[in-house]
Amino acid sequence: MEQKEWEDRLDRYADRTAQAVRKGVHVLEDAFDKGRETLREETARGQSGSQASNGETQDASTRRRDTRRLGLILVFVGILWLLRSLGILDQPVFPILLIIAGVYFLTRNPD
């Protein structure tokens, strides 16, 4: 291919990518606006004098804990992925460290 053909092809791919990004940004903006509206509605309902029951408070704390746990799992998977791509996971010491860490978390006091 000639340089002009490559440039045209690259321009088409750049346009497609830009369109996809614009569409994704619009979707994220819509989701953000909807979430903000929902939060305002829930806040307004909460301030109107209705108190959350103890069960609802426990559900909220459970959801918060589950969300935090999911975040930690995603960070851990991301770190593993990064270490694998850097070639560090190919070392035999790393699985041993993972096993030791796993045993520690299994045997530690749950308090």
N, C-alpha and C. Protein backbone atom coordinates (compact mmCIF):
# COMPACT_ATOMS: atom_id res chain seq x y z
N MET A 1 0.83 -1.17 0.00
CA MET A 1 0.00 0.00 0.00
C MET A 1 0.88 1.24 0.00
N GLU A 2 0.36 2.24 -0.61
CA GLU A 2 1.09 3.49 -0.63
C GLU A 2 0.80 4.27 0.64
N GLN A 3 1.59 5.28 0.86
CA GLN A 3 1.44 6.08 2.06
C GLN A 3 0.07 6.75 2.11
N LYS A 4 -0.43 7.23 0.97
CA LYS A 4 -1.73 7.90 0.92
C LYS A 4 -2.85 6.94 1.34
N GLU A 5 -2.77 5.71 0.90
CA GLU A 5 -3.78 4.71 1.26
C GLU A 5 -3.73 4.45 2.77
N TRP A 6 -2.53 4.34 3.32
CA TRP A 6 -2.40 4.12 4.75
C TRP A 6 -2.96 5.29 5.55
N GLU A 7 -2.68 6.51 5.06
CA GLU A 7 -3.19 7.70 5.75
C GLU A 7 -4.72 7.73 5.71
N ASP A 8 -5.30 7.41 4.56
CA ASP A 8 -6.76 7.38 4.45
C ASP A 8 -7.36 6.32 5.37
N ARG A 9 -6.74 5.18 5.39
CA ARG A 9 -7.21 4.09 6.25
C ARG A 9 -7.13 4.48 7.72
N LEU A 10 -6.02 5.10 8.10
CA LEU A 10 -5.84 5.56 9.46
C LEU A 10 -6.86 6.63 9.82
N ASP A 11 -7.15 7.54 8.90
CA ASP A 11 -8.18 8.56 9.14
C ASP A 11 -9.55 7.93 9.37
N ARG A 12 -9.88 6.92 8.59
CA ARG A 12 -11.18 6.25 8.77
C ARG A 12 -11.26 5.59 10.13
N TYR A 13 -10.18 4.92 10.54
CA TYR A 13 -10.17 4.28 11.86
C TYR A 13 -10.24 5.32 12.98
N ALA A 14 -9.56 6.44 12.78
CA ALA A 14 -9.61 7.50 13.79
C ALA A 14 -11.02 8.07 13.90
N ASP A 15 -11.71 8.25 12.77
CA ASP A 15 -13.08 8.74 12.79
C ASP A 15 -14.01 7.75 13.50
N ARG A 16 -13.87 6.48 13.19
CA ARG A 16 -14.70 5.46 13.85
C ARG A 16 -14.46 5.46 15.36
N THR A 17 -13.20 5.54 15.73
CA THR A 17 -12.87 5.55 17.16
C THR A 17 -13.44 6.79 17.84
N ALA A 18 -13.32 7.93 17.20
CA ALA A 18 -13.86 9.16 17.78
C ALA A 18 -15.38 9.07 17.94
N GLN A 19 -16.06 8.50 16.96
CA GLN A 19 -17.51 8.34 17.05
C GLN A 19 -17.88 7.41 18.21
N ALA A 20 -17.15 6.32 18.33
CA ALA A 20 -17.42 5.38 19.42
C ALA A 20 -17.19 6.03 20.79
N VAL A 21 -16.13 6.81 20.89
CA VAL A 21 -15.84 7.48 22.15
C VAL A 21 -16.92 8.51 22.46
N ARG A 22 -17.34 9.28 21.45
CA ARG A 22 -18.41 10.25 21.66
C ARG A 22 -19.68 9.57 22.14
N LYS A 23 -20.02 8.45 21.51
CA LYS A 23 -21.22 7.72 21.91
C LYS A 23 -21.08 7.21 23.35
N GLY A 24 -19.92 6.69 23.68
CA GLY A 24 -19.69 6.21 25.04
C GLY A 24 -19.77 7.33 26.07
N VAL A 25 -19.24 8.50 25.72
CA VAL A 25 -19.30 9.64 26.63
C VAL A 25 -20.75 10.05 26.85
N HIS A 26 -21.55 10.05 25.79
CA HIS A 26 -22.97 10.40 25.94
C HIS A 26 -23.69 9.41 26.84
N VAL A 27 -23.38 8.13 26.68
CA VAL A 27 -24.00 7.12 27.54
C VAL A 27 -23.60 7.35 29.00
N LEU A 28 -22.33 7.63 29.23
CA LEU A 28 -21.87 7.89 30.60
C LEU A 28 -22.50 9.15 31.18
N GLU A 29 -22.62 10.20 30.35
CA GLU A 29 -23.26 11.42 30.84
C GLU A 29 -24.72 11.18 31.20
N ASP A 30 -25.42 10.41 30.37
CA ASP A 30 -26.82 10.09 30.67
C ASP A 30 -26.94 9.29 31.97
N ALA A 31 -26.06 8.32 32.14
CA ALA A 31 -26.08 7.50 33.36
C ALA A 31 -25.76 8.37 34.58
N PHE A 32 -24.81 9.28 34.44
CA PHE A 32 -24.47 10.17 35.55
C PHE A 32 -25.64 11.06 35.91
N ASP A 33 -26.29 11.64 34.90
CA ASP A 33 -27.45 12.50 35.17
C ASP A 33 -28.57 11.73 35.84
N LYS A 34 -28.83 10.52 35.37
CA LYS A 34 -29.88 9.69 35.96
C LYS A 34 -29.53 9.34 37.41
N GLY A 35 -28.28 9.00 37.67
CA GLY A 35 -27.85 8.69 39.03
C GLY A 35 -27.96 9.89 39.94
N ARG A 36 -27.62 11.06 39.44
CA ARG A 36 -27.74 12.28 40.24
C ARG A 36 -29.20 12.57 40.58
N GLU A 37 -30.09 12.40 39.59
CA GLU A 37 -31.53 12.61 39.84
C GLU A 37 -32.05 11.62 40.88
N THR A 38 -31.64 10.36 40.76
CA THR A 38 -32.07 9.34 41.71
C THR A 38 -31.57 9.67 43.11
N LEU A 39 -30.32 10.11 43.22
CA LEU A 39 -29.76 10.48 44.51
C LEU A 39 -30.51 11.65 45.12
N ARG A 40 -30.84 12.64 44.31
CA ARG A 40 -31.61 13.79 44.82
C ARG A 40 -32.98 13.35 45.32
N GLU A 41 -33.63 12.46 44.57
CA GLU A 41 -34.94 11.97 44.98
C GLU A 41 -34.85 11.21 46.30
N GLU A 42 -33.85 10.34 46.43
CA GLU A 42 -33.69 9.57 47.66
C GLU A 42 -33.35 10.47 48.83
N THR A 43 -32.53 11.48 48.58
CA THR A 43 -32.17 12.41 49.64
C THR A 43 -33.39 13.21 50.08
N ALA A 44 -34.19 13.64 49.11
CA ALA A 44 -35.40 14.39 49.44
C ALA A 44 -36.37 13.53 50.24
N ARG A 45 -36.51 12.27 49.87
CA ARG A 45 -37.39 11.37 50.62
C ARG A 45 -36.87 11.16 52.03
N GLY A 46 -35.56 11.03 52.17
CA GLY A 46 -34.96 10.80 53.48
C GLY A 46 -35.10 12.00 54.38
N GLN A 47 -35.08 13.21 53.82
CA GLN A 47 -35.19 14.42 54.62
C GLN A 47 -36.63 14.77 54.95
N SER A 48 -37.58 14.09 54.31
CA SER A 48 -38.99 14.41 54.56
C SER A 48 -39.49 13.82 55.88
N GLY A 49 -38.58 13.30 56.68
CA GLY A 49 -38.97 12.83 58.00
C GLY A 49 -39.04 11.33 58.13
N SER A 50 -38.92 10.60 57.04
CA SER A 50 -38.99 9.13 57.16
C SER A 50 -37.62 8.62 57.58
N GLN A 51 -37.59 7.85 58.62
CA GLN A 51 -36.36 7.28 59.13
C GLN A 51 -36.17 5.88 58.57
N ALA A 52 -34.93 5.53 58.24
CA ALA A 52 -34.65 4.19 57.73
C ALA A 52 -34.70 3.20 58.88
N SER A 53 -35.28 2.06 58.62
CA SER A 53 -35.33 1.04 59.66
C SER A 53 -33.95 0.43 59.85
N ASN A 54 -33.78 -0.30 60.91
CA ASN A 54 -32.50 -0.93 61.20
C ASN A 54 -32.11 -1.91 60.11
N GLY A 55 -33.07 -2.64 59.56
CA GLY A 55 -32.80 -3.58 58.47
C GLY A 55 -32.29 -2.88 57.23
N GLU A 56 -32.87 -1.71 56.92
CA GLU A 56 -32.41 -0.98 55.75
C GLU A 56 -30.99 -0.47 55.95
N THR A 57 -30.65 -0.08 57.17
CA THR A 57 -29.31 0.39 57.46
C THR A 57 -28.31 -0.75 57.31
N GLN A 58 -28.69 -1.93 57.77
CA GLN A 58 -27.81 -3.08 57.62
C GLN A 58 -27.65 -3.45 56.16
N ASP A 59 -28.71 -3.35 55.37
CA ASP A 59 -28.61 -3.64 53.94
C ASP A 59 -27.64 -2.67 53.27
N ALA A 60 -27.71 -1.40 53.63
CA ALA A 60 -26.82 -0.40 53.04
C ALA A 60 -25.37 -0.69 53.41
N SER A 61 -25.11 -1.05 54.68
CA SER A 61 -23.74 -1.34 55.07
C SER A 61 -23.24 -2.62 54.41
N THR A 62 -24.12 -3.59 54.21
CA THR A 62 -23.73 -4.82 53.52
C THR A 62 -23.38 -4.52 52.07
N ARG A 63 -24.20 -3.69 51.42
CA ARG A 63 -23.91 -3.31 50.03
C ARG A 63 -22.59 -2.56 49.93
N ARG A 64 -22.33 -1.68 50.89
CA ARG A 64 -21.09 -0.92 50.89
C ARG A 64 -19.89 -1.86 51.04
N ARG A 65 -20.04 -2.84 51.94
CA ARG A 65 -18.96 -3.80 52.18
C ARG A 65 -18.74 -4.66 50.94
N ASP A 66 -19.85 -5.09 50.30
CA ASP A 66 -19.72 -5.90 49.08
C ASP A 66 -19.08 -5.11 47.95
N THR A 67 -19.43 -3.82 47.85
CA THR A 67 -18.83 -2.98 46.82
C THR A 67 -17.35 -2.80 47.07
N ARG A 68 -16.98 -2.63 48.33
CA ARG A 68 -15.56 -2.51 48.66
C ARG A 68 -14.82 -3.81 48.33
N ARG A 69 -15.43 -4.93 48.66
CA ARG A 69 -14.82 -6.21 48.37
C ARG A 69 -14.62 -6.40 46.87
N LEU A 70 -15.63 -6.01 46.09
CA LEU A 70 -15.51 -6.11 44.63
C LEU A 70 -14.39 -5.22 44.13
N GLY A 71 -14.27 -4.02 44.68
CA GLY A 71 -13.19 -3.12 44.29
C GLY A 71 -11.83 -3.72 44.58
N LEU A 72 -11.69 -4.32 45.75
CA LEU A 72 -10.42 -4.96 46.10
C LEU A 72 -10.10 -6.12 45.16
N ILE A 73 -11.11 -6.89 44.80
CA ILE A 73 -10.90 -8.00 43.87
C ILE A 73 -10.44 -7.48 42.52
N LEU A 74 -11.08 -6.41 42.03
CA LEU A 74 -10.70 -5.85 40.74
C LEU A 74 -9.28 -5.30 40.76
N VAL A 75 -8.91 -4.64 41.86
CA VAL A 75 -7.54 -4.14 41.97
C VAL A 75 -6.56 -5.31 41.98
N PHE A 76 -6.88 -6.36 42.73
CA PHE A 76 -5.99 -7.53 42.80
C PHE A 76 -5.82 -8.17 41.43
N VAL A 77 -6.93 -8.34 40.70
CA VAL A 77 -6.85 -8.94 39.36
C VAL A 77 -6.03 -8.05 38.44
N GLY A 78 -6.22 -6.73 38.55
CA GLY A 78 -5.43 -5.81 37.73
C GLY A 78 -3.95 -5.90 38.02
N ILE A 79 -3.61 -6.01 39.31
CA ILE A 79 -2.19 -6.15 39.67
C ILE A 79 -1.63 -7.46 39.13
N LEU A 80 -2.40 -8.54 39.27
CA LEU A 80 -1.93 -9.82 38.73
C LEU A 80 -1.72 -9.75 37.22
N TRP A 81 -2.65 -9.11 36.54
CA TRP A 81 -2.54 -8.95 35.09
C TRP A 81 -1.28 -8.15 34.73
N LEU A 82 -1.04 -7.07 35.47
CA LEU A 82 0.14 -6.25 35.22
C LEU A 82 1.41 -7.04 35.48
N LEU A 83 1.46 -7.76 36.59
CA LEU A 83 2.64 -8.56 36.91
C LEU A 83 2.88 -9.64 35.86
N ARG A 84 1.81 -10.23 35.36
CA ARG A 84 1.93 -11.27 34.33
C ARG A 84 2.50 -10.66 33.04
N SER A 85 2.02 -9.47 32.68
CA SER A 85 2.49 -8.85 31.44
C SER A 85 3.94 -8.37 31.57
N LEU A 86 4.38 -8.09 32.80
CA LEU A 86 5.77 -7.68 33.02
C LEU A 86 6.72 -8.88 33.16
N GLY A 87 6.15 -10.08 33.24
CA GLY A 87 6.98 -11.27 33.35
C GLY A 87 7.37 -11.63 34.77
N ILE A 88 6.86 -10.90 35.74
CA ILE A 88 7.21 -11.16 37.14
C ILE A 88 6.54 -12.43 37.64
N LEU A 89 5.35 -12.73 37.13
CA LEU A 89 4.63 -13.92 37.58
C LEU A 89 5.29 -15.22 37.12
N ASP A 90 6.24 -15.11 36.22
CA ASP A 90 6.92 -16.32 35.75
C ASP A 90 7.95 -16.83 36.75
N GLN A 91 8.22 -16.04 37.78
CA GLN A 91 9.18 -16.43 38.81
C GLN A 91 8.51 -17.42 39.77
N PRO A 92 9.21 -18.44 40.23
CA PRO A 92 8.61 -19.46 41.10
C PRO A 92 8.32 -18.96 42.51
N VAL A 93 8.85 -17.83 42.91
CA VAL A 93 8.63 -17.32 44.26
C VAL A 93 7.22 -16.75 44.41
N PHE A 94 6.68 -16.17 43.37
CA PHE A 94 5.40 -15.49 43.46
C PHE A 94 4.26 -16.41 43.89
N PRO A 95 4.09 -17.61 43.32
CA PRO A 95 3.01 -18.49 43.80
C PRO A 95 3.17 -18.86 45.27
N ILE A 96 4.39 -19.01 45.73
CA ILE A 96 4.63 -19.34 47.13
C ILE A 96 4.16 -18.18 48.02
N LEU A 97 4.45 -16.95 47.60
CA LEU A 97 3.99 -15.79 48.36
C LEU A 97 2.47 -15.72 48.38
N LEU A 98 1.82 -16.05 47.27
CA LEU A 98 0.35 -16.06 47.24
C LEU A 98 -0.22 -17.11 48.18
N ILE A 99 0.40 -18.27 48.23
CA ILE A 99 -0.06 -19.34 49.12
C ILE A 99 0.10 -18.90 50.58
N ILE A 100 1.22 -18.30 50.91
CA ILE A 100 1.45 -17.83 52.28
C ILE A 100 0.42 -16.76 52.66
N ALA A 101 0.17 -15.83 51.75
CA ALA A 101 -0.82 -14.78 52.03
C ALA A 101 -2.22 -15.38 52.20
N GLY A 102 -2.56 -16.36 51.37
CA GLY A 102 -3.87 -17.01 51.48
C GLY A 102 -4.04 -17.73 52.80
N VAL A 103 -3.01 -18.44 53.23
CA VAL A 103 -3.07 -19.15 54.51
C VAL A 103 -3.19 -18.14 55.65
N TYR A 104 -2.48 -17.04 55.56
CA TYR A 104 -2.57 -16.00 56.60
C TYR A 104 -4.00 -15.49 56.72
N PHE A 105 -4.62 -15.15 55.59
CA PHE A 105 -5.98 -14.61 55.63
C PHE A 105 -6.99 -15.65 56.09
N LEU A 106 -6.75 -16.93 55.80
CA LEU A 106 -7.66 -17.97 56.24
C LEU A 106 -7.58 -18.22 57.74
N THR A 107 -6.39 -18.04 58.31
CA THR A 107 -6.20 -18.37 59.72
C THR A 107 -6.28 -17.18 60.66
N ARG A 108 -6.34 -15.97 60.15
CA ARG A 108 -6.36 -14.81 61.04
C ARG A 108 -7.71 -14.70 61.75
N ASN A 109 -7.73 -13.99 62.83
CA ASN A 109 -8.90 -13.81 63.66
C ASN A 109 -9.95 -12.97 62.91
N PRO A 110 -11.21 -13.42 62.78
CA PRO A 110 -12.21 -12.68 62.00
C PRO A 110 -12.69 -11.42 62.69
N ASP A 111 -12.28 -11.15 63.92
CA ASP A 111 -12.74 -9.96 64.64
C ASP A 111 -12.21 -8.73 64.04
